[in-house]
Amino acid sequence: MKSIRICAYLISAALTFASCAGSIPMPDLSHAERASHKWYGTTLHDLTAGRQLYIQKCSGCHGLKAPARLSAQQWEGILAEMKTKAGVKDDEEKMIMKYLVTISEMDNEDGKR
């Protein structure tokens, strides 16, 4: 009986994780180019890793917001506030920040808010 509950929990968690990830935009080469101007050397791989960390670290406690819903300044404040609660290390915070700020700035410029 206990193993059935554990299995059900794991399936539920996997489905929740998958549904959250689907609504969070994937970065593309234009995002990487923009980010590399702000943070020299930032790559598409870096932004993709930042997206994954955002999903992994932040979806455990609450629903995820699309990056364009908040400004870059708002994301910076939220990350500073939530970093310790979410167990985010300094290098992970930088990767998440690069992803959120880049997507937020570009999507808001394009009117996708």
Protein backbone atom coordinates (compact mmCIF):
# COMPACT_ATOMS: atom_id res chain seq x y z
CA MET A 1 0.00 0.00 0.00
CA LYS A 2 2.81 2.42 0.90
CA SER A 3 4.59 1.75 -2.39
CA ILE A 4 1.40 2.55 -4.31
CA ARG A 5 1.14 5.93 -2.57
CA ILE A 6 4.78 6.70 -3.30
CA CYS A 7 4.32 5.74 -6.93
CA ALA A 8 1.17 7.90 -7.21
CA TYR A 9 3.02 10.84 -5.66
CA LEU A 10 5.93 10.49 -8.09
CA ILE A 11 3.59 10.33 -11.08
CA SER A 12 1.70 13.38 -9.83
CA ALA A 13 4.93 15.30 -9.30
CA ALA A 14 6.19 14.38 -12.78
CA LEU A 15 2.94 15.53 -14.40
CA THR A 16 3.00 18.80 -12.48
CA PHE A 17 6.60 19.40 -13.46
CA ALA A 18 5.85 18.64 -17.12
CA SER A 19 2.83 20.96 -17.23
CA CYS A 20 4.80 23.84 -15.68
CA ALA A 21 7.67 23.42 -18.10
CA GLY A 22 5.40 23.62 -21.13
CA SER A 23 4.27 27.18 -20.43
CA ILE A 24 7.76 28.54 -19.77
CA PRO A 25 9.33 29.68 -23.05
CA MET A 26 12.49 28.11 -24.40
CA PRO A 27 15.27 30.55 -25.19
CA ASP A 28 16.53 30.76 -28.76
CA LEU A 29 19.59 32.19 -30.51
CA SER A 30 18.20 35.73 -30.48
CA HIS A 31 17.88 35.51 -26.69
CA ALA A 32 21.46 34.24 -26.42
CA GLU A 33 22.73 37.09 -28.58
CA ARG A 34 20.90 39.63 -26.43
CA ALA A 35 22.15 38.05 -23.19
CA SER A 36 25.74 37.96 -24.42
CA HIS A 37 25.67 41.75 -24.82
CA LYS A 38 24.57 42.17 -21.21
CA TRP A 39 26.58 39.27 -19.74
CA TYR A 40 29.60 38.66 -21.98
CA GLY A 41 29.99 35.05 -23.02
CA THR A 42 26.43 33.95 -22.21
CA THR A 43 25.34 31.14 -24.53
CA LEU A 44 22.08 29.47 -25.51
CA HIS A 45 23.16 26.56 -23.35
CA ASP A 46 23.47 28.92 -20.35
CA LEU A 47 19.96 30.29 -20.89
CA THR A 48 18.51 26.81 -21.34
CA ALA A 49 20.19 25.72 -18.10
CA GLY A 50 18.76 28.81 -16.38
CA ARG A 51 15.29 27.83 -17.59
CA GLN A 52 15.71 24.30 -16.22
CA LEU A 53 16.90 25.62 -12.86
CA TYR A 54 13.96 28.04 -12.72
CA ILE A 55 11.56 25.16 -13.28
CA GLN A 56 13.31 22.79 -10.85
CA LYS A 57 13.95 25.21 -8.01
CA CYS A 58 10.83 27.35 -8.14
CA SER A 59 8.01 25.00 -9.07
CA GLY A 60 8.43 22.94 -5.91
CA CYS A 61 6.65 25.54 -3.79
CA HIS A 62 4.39 27.48 -6.18
CA GLY A 63 3.27 27.91 -9.75
CA LEU A 64 5.69 29.47 -12.19
CA LYS A 65 5.15 32.86 -13.76
CA ALA A 66 6.00 33.41 -17.41
CA PRO A 67 9.12 35.59 -17.50
CA ALA A 68 7.37 38.37 -19.44
CA ARG A 69 4.81 38.85 -16.66
CA LEU A 70 7.38 40.76 -14.60
CA SER A 71 10.06 43.34 -15.39
CA ALA A 72 13.77 42.64 -15.08
CA GLN A 73 13.88 44.69 -11.88
CA GLN A 74 11.00 42.72 -10.38
CA TRP A 75 12.74 39.41 -11.19
CA GLU A 76 15.93 40.62 -9.56
CA GLY A 77 14.04 41.43 -6.37
CA ILE A 78 12.14 38.16 -6.35
CA LEU A 79 15.29 36.09 -6.87
CA ALA A 80 17.08 37.92 -4.08
CA GLU A 81 14.13 37.25 -1.77
CA MET A 82 13.52 33.61 -2.73
CA LYS A 83 17.12 32.43 -3.19
CA THR A 84 17.58 31.06 0.31
CA LYS A 85 14.07 29.59 0.57
CA ALA A 86 14.54 27.69 -2.70
CA GLY A 87 18.07 26.52 -1.92
CA VAL A 88 19.53 28.33 -4.92
CA LYS A 89 23.33 28.63 -5.01
CA ASP A 90 25.07 31.79 -6.27
CA ASP A 91 25.99 30.32 -9.66
CA GLU A 92 22.46 28.95 -10.10
CA GLU A 93 20.99 32.35 -9.23
CA LYS A 94 23.06 33.96 -11.99
CA MET A 95 21.87 31.42 -14.54
CA ILE A 96 18.22 31.81 -13.54
CA MET A 97 18.59 35.60 -13.57
CA LYS A 98 20.09 35.62 -17.06
CA TYR A 99 17.22 33.49 -18.36
CA LEU A 100 14.39 35.41 -16.67
CA VAL A 101 15.73 38.90 -17.39
CA THR A 102 16.56 38.16 -21.03
CA ILE A 103 13.20 36.55 -21.81
CA SER A 104 11.34 39.26 -19.87
CA GLU A 105 13.07 42.14 -21.65
CA MET A 106 12.72 40.69 -25.13
CA ASP A 107 9.14 39.49 -24.79
CA ASN A 108 8.05 42.79 -23.26
CA GLU A 109 9.70 44.68 -26.14
CA ASP A 110 7.79 42.46 -28.57
CA GLY A 111 4.50 43.11 -26.75
CA LYS A 112 3.97 39.53 -25.57
CA ARG A 113 3.10 40.56 -22.03
